[in-house]
Amino acid sequence: MGVPEAALAAMVAAGHDGRALIRTDLRFHRRLLLCTKNGPLARLEVIIETGFLARDRLVNSADHWANPVPFQA
């Protein structure tokens, strides 16, 4: 299993735990950036992280998220 696949598996394993999903989603996208081997793009991680954290806190503000991976079900 490659790095993005392992990170995606961690998101699925987080189940309905909203806080765990936020952490694993961010980890997944960080790994995608690293896989590009594009230094300038990877440095955008700080901006992307801020946006993702804000989005995830709004979308997944509850401790229980009803549908963690809607298109994977």
C-alpha atoms as a PDB file:
ATOM      1  CA  MET A   1       0.000   0.000   0.000  1.00  0.00           C
ATOM      2  CA  GLY A   2       1.475   3.366  -1.032  1.00  0.00           C
ATOM      3  CA  VAL A   3       1.600   6.487   1.070  1.00  0.00           C
ATOM      4  CA  PRO A   4      -1.677   8.047  -0.204  1.00  0.00           C
ATOM      5  CA  GLU A   5      -3.462   4.708   0.045  1.00  0.00           C
ATOM      6  CA  ALA A   6      -2.320   4.241   3.656  1.00  0.00           C
ATOM      7  CA  ALA A   7      -3.488   7.744   4.524  1.00  0.00           C
ATOM      8  CA  LEU A   8      -6.859   7.095   2.862  1.00  0.00           C
ATOM      9  CA  ALA A   9      -7.159   3.831   4.784  1.00  0.00           C
ATOM     10  CA  ALA A  10      -6.534   5.792   8.008  1.00  0.00           C
ATOM     11  CA  MET A  11      -9.402   8.143   7.088  1.00  0.00           C
ATOM     12  CA  VAL A  12     -11.710   5.173   6.601  1.00  0.00           C
ATOM     13  CA  ALA A  13     -10.505   3.614   9.870  1.00  0.00           C
ATOM     14  CA  ALA A  14     -11.336   6.838  11.728  1.00  0.00           C
ATOM     15  CA  GLY A  15     -14.977   5.915  11.175  1.00  0.00           C
ATOM     16  CA  HIS A  16     -17.387   8.531  12.477  1.00  0.00           C
ATOM     17  CA  ASP A  17     -14.929  10.296  14.812  1.00  0.00           C
ATOM     18  CA  GLY A  18     -14.984  13.879  13.516  1.00  0.00           C
ATOM     19  CA  ARG A  19     -11.756  14.929  15.240  1.00  0.00           C
ATOM     20  CA  ALA A  20      -9.861  11.879  13.985  1.00  0.00           C
ATOM     21  CA  LEU A  21     -11.182  12.515  10.481  1.00  0.00           C
ATOM     22  CA  ILE A  22      -9.860  16.072  10.524  1.00  0.00           C
ATOM     23  CA  ARG A  23      -6.383  14.831  11.484  1.00  0.00           C
ATOM     24  CA  THR A  24      -6.346  11.996   8.954  1.00  0.00           C
ATOM     25  CA  ASP A  25      -7.750  14.161   6.128  1.00  0.00           C
ATOM     26  CA  LEU A  26      -5.000  16.704   6.620  1.00  0.00           C
ATOM     27  CA  ARG A  27      -2.356  13.956   6.781  1.00  0.00           C
ATOM     28  CA  PHE A  28      -3.722  12.485   3.525  1.00  0.00           C
ATOM     29  CA  HIS A  29      -3.478  15.779   1.668  1.00  0.00           C
ATOM     30  CA  ARG A  30       0.002  16.523   3.037  1.00  0.00           C
ATOM     31  CA  ARG A  31       1.162  13.176   1.685  1.00  0.00           C
ATOM     32  CA  LEU A  32      -0.376  13.916  -1.699  1.00  0.00           C
ATOM     33  CA  LEU A  33       1.627  17.145  -1.834  1.00  0.00           C
ATOM     34  CA  LEU A  34       4.832  15.289  -0.968  1.00  0.00           C
ATOM     35  CA  CYS A  35       4.143  12.677  -3.641  1.00  0.00           C
ATOM     36  CA  THR A  36       4.191  15.368  -6.322  1.00  0.00           C
ATOM     37  CA  LYS A  37       7.915  15.943  -5.634  1.00  0.00           C
ATOM     38  CA  ASN A  38       7.182  19.551  -6.543  1.00  0.00           C
ATOM     39  CA  GLY A  39       8.977  21.784  -4.017  1.00  0.00           C
ATOM     40  CA  PRO A  40       7.044  25.011  -4.720  1.00  0.00           C
ATOM     41  CA  LEU A  41       3.710  23.175  -4.565  1.00  0.00           C
ATOM     42  CA  ALA A  42       4.685  21.347  -1.373  1.00  0.00           C
ATOM     43  CA  ARG A  43       5.501  24.695   0.283  1.00  0.00           C
ATOM     44  CA  LEU A  44       1.866  25.683  -0.195  1.00  0.00           C
ATOM     45  CA  GLU A  45       1.130  23.173   2.578  1.00  0.00           C
ATOM     46  CA  VAL A  46       0.856  25.981   5.141  1.00  0.00           C
ATOM     47  CA  ILE A  47      -1.871  27.725   3.152  1.00  0.00           C
ATOM     48  CA  ILE A  48      -3.651  24.491   2.304  1.00  0.00           C
ATOM     49  CA  GLU A  49      -3.485  23.311   5.925  1.00  0.00           C
ATOM     50  CA  THR A  50      -5.099  26.528   7.167  1.00  0.00           C
ATOM     51  CA  GLY A  51      -7.919  26.221   4.645  1.00  0.00           C
ATOM     52  CA  PHE A  52      -8.501  22.535   5.318  1.00  0.00           C
ATOM     53  CA  LEU A  53      -8.558  23.018   9.081  1.00  0.00           C
ATOM     54  CA  ALA A  54     -11.084  25.847   8.772  1.00  0.00           C
ATOM     55  CA  ARG A  55     -13.232  23.783   6.384  1.00  0.00           C
ATOM     56  CA  ASP A  56     -13.098  20.668   8.497  1.00  0.00           C
ATOM     57  CA  ARG A  57     -13.955  22.520  11.683  1.00  0.00           C
ATOM     58  CA  LEU A  58     -17.029  23.988  10.016  1.00  0.00           C
ATOM     59  CA  VAL A  59     -18.151  20.811   8.264  1.00  0.00           C
ATOM     60  CA  ASN A  60     -17.216  18.340  10.981  1.00  0.00           C
ATOM     61  CA  SER A  61     -17.713  20.452  14.090  1.00  0.00           C
ATOM     62  CA  ALA A  62     -19.475  17.642  15.929  1.00  0.00           C
ATOM     63  CA  ASP A  63     -17.632  14.759  17.543  1.00  0.00           C
ATOM     64  CA  HIS A  64     -19.640  12.352  15.382  1.00  0.00           C
ATOM     65  CA  TRP A  65     -19.689  12.706  11.604  1.00  0.00           C
ATOM     66  CA  ALA A  66     -22.494  10.726   9.991  1.00  0.00           C
ATOM     67  CA  ASN A  67     -20.875  10.045   6.607  1.00  0.00           C
ATOM     68  CA  PRO A  68     -17.065  10.103   6.675  1.00  0.00           C
ATOM     69  CA  VAL A  69     -16.411   8.817   3.150  1.00  0.00           C
ATOM     70  CA  PRO A  70     -19.654   9.271   1.180  1.00  0.00           C
ATOM     71  CA  PHE A  71     -18.340   8.207  -2.216  1.00  0.00           C
ATOM     72  CA  GLN A  72     -16.516   5.153  -0.809  1.00  0.00           C
ATOM     73  CA  ALA A  73     -19.570   3.560   0.835  1.00  0.00           C
END
